[in-house]
Amino acid sequence: SAQESVITRDIHRTFPAHDYFKDTGGDGQESLYKICKAYSVYDEDIGYCQGQSFLAAVLLLHMPEEQAFCVLVKIMYDYGLRDLYRNNFEDLHCKFYQLERLMQEQLPDLHSHFSDLNLEAHMYASQWFLTLFTAKFPLCMVFHIIDLLLCESGISALQFTGMVTF
């Protein structure tokens, strides 16, 4: 994989306090490295992007690495996450626009406050969307979000979830 060095750099940053992933060279980090590297080879158009390791890690907490890889591929291709990474992140920017319009409609005071601070959605929400909320939220919430994604068959299930996080 052309992105091997980036993957290696990110692995130890992924859930560093979690028992399964905290040991350098441990089973968790080794499995996580294999999945990220395999995906970067499998999907050369997207390769590896920062944040993918968090989603792969959440999957590894629930299943063996072969299954985790297959579910990662399924989420990326069939559930729409891959689209967020394509075409210079056009779909991601669309999600930012949708989030800002939802905030304007549903949370006008917060939207106004963010506008006063010149705080735009891309400044805080890119990591949310690109990692499916796995990087910054408690794992119990993350598990629920991933369940929603899988049960509702796609990234569109998370449009309302983004509002819940406020």
N, C-alpha and C. Protein backbone atom coordinates (compact mmCIF):
# COMPACT_ATOMS: atom_id res chain seq x y z
N SER A 1 0.84 -1.19 0.00
CA SER A 1 0.00 0.00 0.00
C SER A 1 0.88 1.24 0.00
N ALA A 2 0.52 2.19 -0.83
CA ALA A 2 1.25 3.45 -0.89
C ALA A 2 1.06 4.27 0.39
N GLN A 3 0.03 3.99 1.13
CA GLN A 3 -0.27 4.76 2.34
C GLN A 3 0.16 4.06 3.62
N GLU A 4 1.03 3.11 3.50
CA GLU A 4 1.45 2.32 4.65
C GLU A 4 2.00 3.18 5.80
N SER A 5 2.78 4.19 5.47
CA SER A 5 3.37 5.03 6.52
C SER A 5 2.30 5.84 7.25
N VAL A 6 1.29 6.30 6.53
CA VAL A 6 0.20 7.05 7.16
C VAL A 6 -0.61 6.12 8.06
N ILE A 7 -0.86 4.92 7.59
CA ILE A 7 -1.60 3.93 8.39
C ILE A 7 -0.81 3.63 9.67
N THR A 8 0.46 3.38 9.52
CA THR A 8 1.31 3.07 10.69
C THR A 8 1.29 4.21 11.69
N ARG A 9 1.31 5.44 11.20
CA ARG A 9 1.29 6.61 12.07
C ARG A 9 -0.03 6.74 12.82
N ASP A 10 -1.13 6.36 12.17
CA ASP A 10 -2.46 6.54 12.78
C ASP A 10 -2.85 5.43 13.75
N ILE A 11 -2.32 4.25 13.58
CA ILE A 11 -2.77 3.10 14.37
C ILE A 11 -2.68 3.36 15.87
N HIS A 12 -1.57 3.87 16.34
CA HIS A 12 -1.44 4.07 17.79
C HIS A 12 -2.29 5.22 18.31
N ARG A 13 -2.83 6.04 17.41
CA ARG A 13 -3.71 7.16 17.81
C ARG A 13 -5.17 6.73 17.91
N THR A 14 -5.44 5.52 17.50
CA THR A 14 -6.82 5.03 17.46
C THR A 14 -7.16 4.37 18.78
N PHE A 15 -8.04 4.99 19.54
CA PHE A 15 -8.45 4.50 20.86
C PHE A 15 -7.24 4.11 21.71
N PRO A 16 -6.31 5.04 21.95
CA PRO A 16 -5.07 4.70 22.67
C PRO A 16 -5.30 4.25 24.11
N ALA A 17 -6.42 4.60 24.70
CA ALA A 17 -6.68 4.20 26.09
C ALA A 17 -7.45 2.88 26.18
N HIS A 18 -7.97 2.41 25.07
CA HIS A 18 -8.74 1.17 25.11
C HIS A 18 -7.79 -0.01 25.26
N ASP A 19 -8.14 -0.94 26.15
CA ASP A 19 -7.28 -2.09 26.44
C ASP A 19 -6.87 -2.86 25.18
N TYR A 20 -7.78 -3.02 24.25
CA TYR A 20 -7.48 -3.83 23.08
C TYR A 20 -6.49 -3.16 22.13
N PHE A 21 -6.47 -1.82 22.12
CA PHE A 21 -5.66 -1.10 21.15
C PHE A 21 -4.46 -0.37 21.74
N LYS A 22 -4.29 -0.38 23.04
CA LYS A 22 -3.26 0.48 23.65
C LYS A 22 -1.83 -0.03 23.51
N ASP A 23 -1.63 -1.33 23.34
CA ASP A 23 -0.27 -1.89 23.29
C ASP A 23 0.31 -1.83 21.88
N THR A 24 1.44 -1.14 21.75
CA THR A 24 2.13 -1.08 20.46
C THR A 24 2.53 -2.48 20.03
N GLY A 25 2.10 -2.85 18.84
CA GLY A 25 2.39 -4.20 18.35
C GLY A 25 1.49 -5.27 18.92
N GLY A 26 0.52 -4.86 19.74
CA GLY A 26 -0.41 -5.83 20.32
C GLY A 26 -1.41 -6.33 19.30
N ASP A 27 -2.22 -7.29 19.73
CA ASP A 27 -3.20 -7.90 18.82
C ASP A 27 -4.14 -6.87 18.20
N GLY A 28 -4.62 -5.93 19.00
CA GLY A 28 -5.56 -4.93 18.50
C GLY A 28 -4.95 -4.05 17.44
N GLN A 29 -3.76 -3.52 17.72
CA GLN A 29 -3.10 -2.66 16.74
C GLN A 29 -2.72 -3.44 15.49
N GLU A 30 -2.31 -4.67 15.66
CA GLU A 30 -1.92 -5.50 14.51
C GLU A 30 -3.14 -5.77 13.61
N SER A 31 -4.26 -6.14 14.21
CA SER A 31 -5.48 -6.38 13.43
C SER A 31 -5.95 -5.10 12.75
N LEU A 32 -5.88 -4.01 13.45
CA LEU A 32 -6.30 -2.73 12.90
C LEU A 32 -5.42 -2.34 11.71
N TYR A 33 -4.13 -2.54 11.85
CA TYR A 33 -3.20 -2.26 10.75
C TYR A 33 -3.53 -3.11 9.52
N LYS A 34 -3.79 -4.39 9.74
CA LYS A 34 -4.08 -5.28 8.62
C LYS A 34 -5.35 -4.85 7.88
N ILE A 35 -6.38 -4.48 8.62
CA ILE A 35 -7.63 -4.08 7.99
C ILE A 35 -7.45 -2.79 7.20
N CYS A 36 -6.78 -1.81 7.80
CA CYS A 36 -6.59 -0.53 7.11
C CYS A 36 -5.72 -0.70 5.86
N LYS A 37 -4.69 -1.49 5.97
CA LYS A 37 -3.82 -1.73 4.83
C LYS A 37 -4.57 -2.49 3.74
N ALA A 38 -5.31 -3.51 4.13
CA ALA A 38 -6.07 -4.30 3.16
C ALA A 38 -7.09 -3.42 2.43
N TYR A 39 -7.76 -2.55 3.17
CA TYR A 39 -8.74 -1.68 2.52
C TYR A 39 -8.06 -0.72 1.55
N SER A 40 -6.91 -0.20 1.92
CA SER A 40 -6.22 0.75 1.04
C SER A 40 -5.79 0.08 -0.26
N VAL A 41 -5.51 -1.20 -0.21
CA VAL A 41 -5.16 -1.95 -1.43
C VAL A 41 -6.44 -2.32 -2.19
N TYR A 42 -7.47 -2.71 -1.47
CA TYR A 42 -8.74 -3.13 -2.08
C TYR A 42 -9.39 -1.98 -2.86
N ASP A 43 -9.38 -0.79 -2.28
CA ASP A 43 -10.04 0.37 -2.88
C ASP A 43 -8.98 1.43 -3.19
N GLU A 44 -8.31 1.26 -4.30
CA GLU A 44 -7.21 2.16 -4.64
C GLU A 44 -7.67 3.59 -4.89
N ASP A 45 -8.92 3.78 -5.33
CA ASP A 45 -9.42 5.15 -5.57
C ASP A 45 -9.49 5.96 -4.28
N ILE A 46 -9.91 5.33 -3.22
CA ILE A 46 -10.01 6.01 -1.92
C ILE A 46 -8.75 5.74 -1.11
N GLY A 47 -8.29 4.51 -1.12
CA GLY A 47 -7.10 4.15 -0.34
C GLY A 47 -7.40 4.24 1.15
N TYR A 48 -6.48 4.86 1.87
CA TYR A 48 -6.66 5.06 3.30
C TYR A 48 -6.79 6.55 3.56
N CYS A 49 -7.77 6.91 4.33
CA CYS A 49 -7.93 8.30 4.76
C CYS A 49 -7.95 8.31 6.28
N GLN A 50 -7.38 9.37 6.84
CA GLN A 50 -7.37 9.46 8.29
C GLN A 50 -8.79 9.34 8.81
N GLY A 51 -8.95 8.61 9.86
CA GLY A 51 -10.25 8.41 10.45
C GLY A 51 -10.83 7.04 10.17
N GLN A 52 -10.44 6.43 9.05
CA GLN A 52 -10.96 5.10 8.75
C GLN A 52 -10.59 4.10 9.83
N SER A 53 -9.46 4.32 10.48
CA SER A 53 -9.03 3.39 11.51
C SER A 53 -10.00 3.34 12.68
N PHE A 54 -10.68 4.46 12.97
CA PHE A 54 -11.64 4.45 14.07
C PHE A 54 -12.84 3.56 13.75
N LEU A 55 -13.33 3.64 12.53
CA LEU A 55 -14.44 2.78 12.14
C LEU A 55 -14.01 1.32 12.15
N ALA A 56 -12.84 1.05 11.60
CA ALA A 56 -12.33 -0.33 11.60
C ALA A 56 -12.16 -0.84 13.03
N ALA A 57 -11.69 0.02 13.93
CA ALA A 57 -11.48 -0.38 15.32
C ALA A 57 -12.81 -0.73 16.00
N VAL A 58 -13.83 0.07 15.75
CA VAL A 58 -15.15 -0.22 16.33
C VAL A 58 -15.66 -1.57 15.83
N LEU A 59 -15.45 -1.84 14.56
CA LEU A 59 -15.87 -3.14 14.02
C LEU A 59 -15.08 -4.28 14.66
N LEU A 60 -13.78 -4.05 14.87
CA LEU A 60 -12.94 -5.09 15.50
C LEU A 60 -13.36 -5.39 16.93
N LEU A 61 -13.99 -4.45 17.59
CA LEU A 61 -14.46 -4.69 18.95
C LEU A 61 -15.66 -5.64 18.98
N HIS A 62 -16.23 -5.92 17.80
CA HIS A 62 -17.42 -6.77 17.73
C HIS A 62 -17.27 -8.03 16.90
N MET A 63 -16.17 -8.14 16.16
CA MET A 63 -16.05 -9.28 15.26
C MET A 63 -14.59 -9.54 14.91
N PRO A 64 -14.30 -10.72 14.39
CA PRO A 64 -12.93 -11.04 13.95
C PRO A 64 -12.52 -10.15 12.77
N GLU A 65 -11.22 -10.05 12.53
CA GLU A 65 -10.74 -9.09 11.54
C GLU A 65 -11.24 -9.36 10.12
N GLU A 66 -11.43 -10.61 9.73
CA GLU A 66 -11.93 -10.89 8.39
C GLU A 66 -13.35 -10.33 8.23
N GLN A 67 -14.18 -10.56 9.22
CA GLN A 67 -15.55 -10.02 9.17
C GLN A 67 -15.52 -8.50 9.24
N ALA A 68 -14.66 -7.94 10.08
CA ALA A 68 -14.56 -6.49 10.21
C ALA A 68 -14.19 -5.86 8.87
N PHE A 69 -13.26 -6.48 8.17
CA PHE A 69 -12.89 -5.98 6.85
C PHE A 69 -14.08 -6.01 5.90
N CYS A 70 -14.80 -7.12 5.89
CA CYS A 70 -15.96 -7.25 4.99
C CYS A 70 -17.04 -6.23 5.33
N VAL A 71 -17.29 -6.01 6.60
CA VAL A 71 -18.29 -5.02 7.00
C VAL A 71 -17.81 -3.61 6.65
N LEU A 72 -16.52 -3.33 6.81
CA LEU A 72 -15.97 -2.04 6.42
C LEU A 72 -16.19 -1.80 4.92
N VAL A 73 -15.91 -2.80 4.11
CA VAL A 73 -16.14 -2.69 2.66
C VAL A 73 -17.61 -2.43 2.38
N LYS A 74 -18.47 -3.17 3.06
CA LYS A 74 -19.92 -3.01 2.88
C LYS A 74 -20.36 -1.60 3.27
N ILE A 75 -19.89 -1.10 4.38
CA ILE A 75 -20.24 0.27 4.82
C ILE A 75 -19.74 1.30 3.81
N MET A 76 -18.52 1.12 3.35
CA MET A 76 -17.95 2.09 2.41
C MET A 76 -18.72 2.08 1.09
N TYR A 77 -18.97 0.90 0.53
CA TYR A 77 -19.57 0.80 -0.80
C TYR A 77 -21.09 0.85 -0.78
N ASP A 78 -21.72 0.01 0.02
CA ASP A 78 -23.17 -0.14 -0.06
C ASP A 78 -23.93 0.83 0.85
N TYR A 79 -23.28 1.34 1.86
CA TYR A 79 -23.98 2.22 2.80
C TYR A 79 -23.62 3.68 2.61
N GLY A 80 -22.79 3.98 1.62
CA GLY A 80 -22.58 5.36 1.22
C GLY A 80 -21.42 6.12 1.83
N LEU A 81 -20.65 5.52 2.72
CA LEU A 81 -19.56 6.28 3.33
C LEU A 81 -18.48 6.62 2.31
N ARG A 82 -18.24 5.73 1.39
CA ARG A 82 -17.20 5.93 0.37
C ARG A 82 -17.45 7.22 -0.42
N ASP A 83 -18.71 7.53 -0.66
CA ASP A 83 -19.05 8.73 -1.44
C ASP A 83 -18.56 10.01 -0.77
N LEU A 84 -18.46 10.00 0.54
CA LEU A 84 -17.98 11.19 1.24
C LEU A 84 -16.52 11.51 0.91
N TYR A 85 -15.76 10.50 0.53
CA TYR A 85 -14.33 10.66 0.25
C TYR A 85 -14.04 10.98 -1.22
N ARG A 86 -15.01 10.82 -2.09
CA ARG A 86 -14.78 10.92 -3.54
C ARG A 86 -14.94 12.34 -4.06
N ASN A 87 -14.44 12.55 -5.28
CA ASN A 87 -14.63 13.80 -6.03
C ASN A 87 -14.35 15.04 -5.19
N ASN A 88 -13.15 15.07 -4.62
CA ASN A 88 -12.75 16.20 -3.78
C ASN A 88 -13.73 16.47 -2.64
N PHE A 89 -14.29 15.40 -2.09
CA PHE A 89 -15.17 15.47 -0.93
C PHE A 89 -16.46 16.26 -1.21
N GLU A 90 -16.96 16.20 -2.45
CA GLU A 90 -18.18 16.94 -2.80
C GLU A 90 -19.37 16.53 -1.93
N ASP A 91 -19.57 15.22 -1.74
CA ASP A 91 -20.69 14.77 -0.90
C ASP A 91 -20.51 15.21 0.54
N LEU A 92 -19.29 15.23 1.01
CA LEU A 92 -19.03 15.70 2.37
C LEU A 92 -19.44 17.16 2.51
N HIS A 93 -19.10 17.97 1.54
CA HIS A 93 -19.48 19.38 1.57
C HIS A 93 -20.99 19.54 1.51
N CYS A 94 -21.65 18.66 0.79
CA CYS A 94 -23.11 18.66 0.76
C CYS A 94 -23.67 18.37 2.16
N LYS A 95 -23.05 17.41 2.87
CA LYS A 95 -23.48 17.10 4.23
C LYS A 95 -23.28 18.31 5.16
N PHE A 96 -22.20 19.04 4.97
CA PHE A 96 -21.98 20.25 5.77
C PHE A 96 -23.09 21.26 5.52
N TYR A 97 -23.43 21.43 4.27
CA TYR A 97 -24.51 22.36 3.91
C TYR A 97 -25.83 21.91 4.55
N GLN A 98 -26.12 20.62 4.45
CA GLN A 98 -27.35 20.10 5.05
C GLN A 98 -27.36 20.30 6.56
N LEU A 99 -26.23 20.06 7.19
CA LEU A 99 -26.13 20.25 8.64
C LEU A 99 -26.38 21.70 9.01
N GLU A 100 -25.77 22.61 8.28
CA GLU A 100 -25.96 24.04 8.59
C GLU A 100 -27.41 24.46 8.37
N ARG A 101 -28.06 23.95 7.32
CA ARG A 101 -29.47 24.30 7.09
C ARG A 101 -30.36 23.70 8.18
N LEU A 102 -30.07 22.46 8.59
CA LEU A 102 -30.83 21.85 9.68
C LEU A 102 -30.67 22.64 10.97
N MET A 103 -29.45 23.05 11.23
CA MET A 103 -29.23 23.86 12.44
C MET A 103 -29.98 25.18 12.35
N GLN A 104 -29.94 25.81 11.20
CA GLN A 104 -30.63 27.08 11.01
C GLN A 104 -32.12 26.92 11.25
N GLU A 105 -32.67 25.81 10.78
CA GLU A 105 -34.09 25.54 10.92
C GLU A 105 -34.48 25.07 12.32
N GLN A 106 -33.71 24.11 12.86
CA GLN A 106 -34.08 23.46 14.11
C GLN A 106 -33.46 24.10 15.36
N LEU A 107 -32.29 24.68 15.20
CA LEU A 107 -31.57 25.28 16.33
C LEU A 107 -31.07 26.68 15.96
N PRO A 108 -32.01 27.59 15.72
CA PRO A 108 -31.61 28.90 15.21
C PRO A 108 -30.68 29.68 16.14
N ASP A 109 -30.84 29.54 17.45
CA ASP A 109 -29.96 30.26 18.37
C ASP A 109 -28.52 29.74 18.28
N LEU A 110 -28.38 28.44 18.20
CA LEU A 110 -27.05 27.85 18.06
C LEU A 110 -26.44 28.23 16.71
N HIS A 111 -27.25 28.17 15.67
CA HIS A 111 -26.77 28.55 14.34
C HIS A 111 -26.30 30.01 14.34
N SER A 112 -27.06 30.86 14.96
CA SER A 112 -26.71 32.28 15.05
C SER A 112 -25.41 32.47 15.84
N HIS A 113 -25.30 31.75 16.94
CA HIS A 113 -24.08 31.83 17.76
C HIS A 113 -22.86 31.37 16.97
N PHE A 114 -22.99 30.24 16.28
CA PHE A 114 -21.89 29.75 15.44
C PHE A 114 -21.54 30.75 14.35
N SER A 115 -22.56 31.36 13.75
CA SER A 115 -22.31 32.37 12.71
C SER A 115 -21.56 33.57 13.27
N ASP A 116 -21.95 33.99 14.46
CA ASP A 116 -21.25 35.12 15.11
C ASP A 116 -19.78 34.80 15.34
N LEU A 117 -19.48 33.54 15.61
CA LEU A 117 -18.10 33.10 15.86
C LEU A 117 -17.37 32.74 14.57
N ASN A 118 -18.07 32.85 13.43
CA ASN A 118 -17.52 32.39 12.13
C ASN A 118 -17.13 30.92 12.18
N LEU A 119 -17.92 30.14 12.89
CA LEU A 119 -17.68 28.71 13.02
C LEU A 119 -18.54 27.98 11.99
N GLU A 120 -17.88 27.38 11.01
CA GLU A 120 -18.58 26.69 9.94
C GLU A 120 -18.55 25.19 10.19
N ALA A 121 -19.52 24.49 9.61
CA ALA A 121 -19.69 23.06 9.86
C ALA A 121 -18.43 22.26 9.55
N HIS A 122 -17.70 22.62 8.52
CA HIS A 122 -16.51 21.85 8.16
C HIS A 122 -15.45 21.90 9.26
N MET A 123 -15.53 22.91 10.12
CA MET A 123 -14.53 23.06 11.18
C MET A 123 -14.73 22.06 12.32
N TYR A 124 -15.93 21.55 12.49
CA TYR A 124 -16.17 20.61 13.58
C TYR A 124 -16.80 19.29 13.12
N ALA A 125 -17.43 19.28 11.97
CA ALA A 125 -18.19 18.10 11.59
C ALA A 125 -17.48 17.16 10.62
N SER A 126 -16.36 17.56 10.06
CA SER A 126 -15.70 16.66 9.10
C SER A 126 -15.31 15.36 9.76
N GLN A 127 -14.75 15.45 10.95
CA GLN A 127 -14.36 14.22 11.65
C GLN A 127 -15.60 13.39 12.02
N TRP A 128 -16.68 14.06 12.36
CA TRP A 128 -17.91 13.32 12.68
C TRP A 128 -18.33 12.46 11.51
N PHE A 129 -18.44 13.08 10.33
CA PHE A 129 -18.95 12.37 9.17
C PHE A 129 -17.96 11.34 8.64
N LEU A 130 -16.69 11.70 8.55
CA LEU A 130 -15.71 10.81 7.94
C LEU A 130 -15.38 9.60 8.80
N THR A 131 -15.64 9.70 10.10
CA THR A 131 -15.39 8.55 10.99
C THR A 131 -16.69 7.94 11.50
N LEU A 132 -17.81 8.42 10.98
CA LEU A 132 -19.14 8.00 11.48
C LEU A 132 -19.24 8.19 12.99
N PHE A 133 -18.73 9.29 13.47
CA PHE A 133 -18.81 9.70 14.87
C PHE A 133 -17.97 8.84 15.81
N THR A 134 -17.15 7.95 15.27
CA THR A 134 -16.42 7.01 16.11
C THR A 134 -15.24 7.63 16.83
N ALA A 135 -14.72 8.74 16.35
CA ALA A 135 -13.48 9.28 16.90
C ALA A 135 -13.67 10.09 18.18
N LYS A 136 -14.81 10.74 18.35
CA LYS A 136 -14.95 11.69 19.45
C LYS A 136 -16.08 11.41 20.43
N PHE A 137 -16.84 10.39 20.18
CA PHE A 137 -18.00 10.15 21.03
C PHE A 137 -17.78 8.89 21.87
N PRO A 138 -18.48 8.78 22.99
CA PRO A 138 -18.36 7.58 23.82
C PRO A 138 -18.74 6.33 23.02
N LEU A 139 -18.06 5.25 23.28
CA LEU A 139 -18.28 4.03 22.51
C LEU A 139 -19.73 3.55 22.57
N CYS A 140 -20.40 3.71 23.70
CA CYS A 140 -21.80 3.26 23.77
C CYS A 140 -22.66 4.04 22.77
N MET A 141 -22.37 5.32 22.57
CA MET A 141 -23.09 6.12 21.58
C MET A 141 -22.68 5.71 20.16
N VAL A 142 -21.40 5.45 19.98
CA VAL A 142 -20.89 5.04 18.68
C VAL A 142 -21.54 3.73 18.24
N PHE A 143 -21.64 2.78 19.15
CA PHE A 143 -22.26 1.49 18.82
C PHE A 143 -23.70 1.70 18.36
N HIS A 144 -24.40 2.60 19.02
CA HIS A 144 -25.79 2.89 18.63
C HIS A 144 -25.84 3.53 17.24
N ILE A 145 -24.92 4.45 16.95
CA ILE A 145 -24.89 5.10 15.64
C ILE A 145 -24.60 4.09 14.54
N ILE A 146 -23.64 3.19 14.78
CA ILE A 146 -23.33 2.17 13.78
C ILE A 146 -24.52 1.24 13.59
N ASP A 147 -25.22 0.90 14.68
CA ASP A 147 -26.44 0.10 14.57
C ASP A 147 -27.47 0.81 13.68
N LEU A 148 -27.65 2.11 13.90
CA LEU A 148 -28.59 2.88 13.07
C LEU A 148 -28.20 2.81 11.61
N LEU A 149 -26.94 3.00 11.36
CA LEU A 149 -26.44 2.98 9.98
C LEU A 149 -26.75 1.64 9.33
N LEU A 150 -26.44 0.56 10.01
CA LEU A 150 -26.62 -0.77 9.44
C LEU A 150 -28.10 -1.15 9.33
N CYS A 151 -28.89 -0.76 10.30
CA CYS A 151 -30.32 -1.10 10.27
C CYS A 151 -31.08 -0.27 9.24
N GLU A 152 -30.68 0.98 9.07
CA GLU A 152 -31.40 1.87 8.16
C GLU A 152 -30.81 1.87 6.76
N SER A 153 -29.78 1.05 6.53
CA SER A 153 -29.20 0.85 5.20
C SER A 153 -28.56 2.08 4.58
N GLY A 154 -27.87 2.87 5.37
CA GLY A 154 -27.11 3.91 4.70
C GLY A 154 -26.82 5.15 5.51
N ILE A 155 -25.99 5.97 4.91
CA ILE A 155 -25.50 7.19 5.53
C ILE A 155 -26.64 8.19 5.76
N SER A 156 -27.71 8.11 4.98
CA SER A 156 -28.83 9.03 5.16
C SER A 156 -29.47 8.86 6.53
N ALA A 157 -29.29 7.70 7.15
CA ALA A 157 -29.83 7.48 8.50
C ALA A 157 -29.15 8.39 9.51
N LEU A 158 -27.98 8.90 9.17
CA LEU A 158 -27.23 9.72 10.11
C LEU A 158 -27.53 11.20 9.99
N GLN A 159 -28.35 11.61 9.05
CA GLN A 159 -28.63 13.03 8.91
C GLN A 159 -29.26 13.59 10.17
N PHE A 160 -30.19 12.88 10.75
CA PHE A 160 -30.78 13.35 12.00
C PHE A 160 -29.83 13.13 13.17
N THR A 161 -29.05 12.06 13.13
CA THR A 161 -28.12 11.76 14.21
C THR A 161 -27.18 12.91 14.43
N GLY A 162 -26.75 13.58 13.37
CA GLY A 162 -25.87 14.73 13.49
C GLY A 162 -26.48 15.81 14.36
N MET A 163 -27.79 15.97 14.29
CA MET A 163 -28.47 16.98 15.10
C MET A 163 -28.56 16.55 16.56
N VAL A 164 -28.68 15.27 16.80
CA VAL A 164 -28.78 14.77 18.16
C VAL A 164 -27.53 15.08 18.95
N THR A 165 -26.39 15.15 18.29
CA THR A 165 -25.13 15.33 18.99
C THR A 165 -25.03 16.71 19.63
N PHE A 166 -25.84 17.65 19.21
CA PHE A 166 -25.80 18.97 19.83
C PHE A 166 -26.45 18.87 21.15
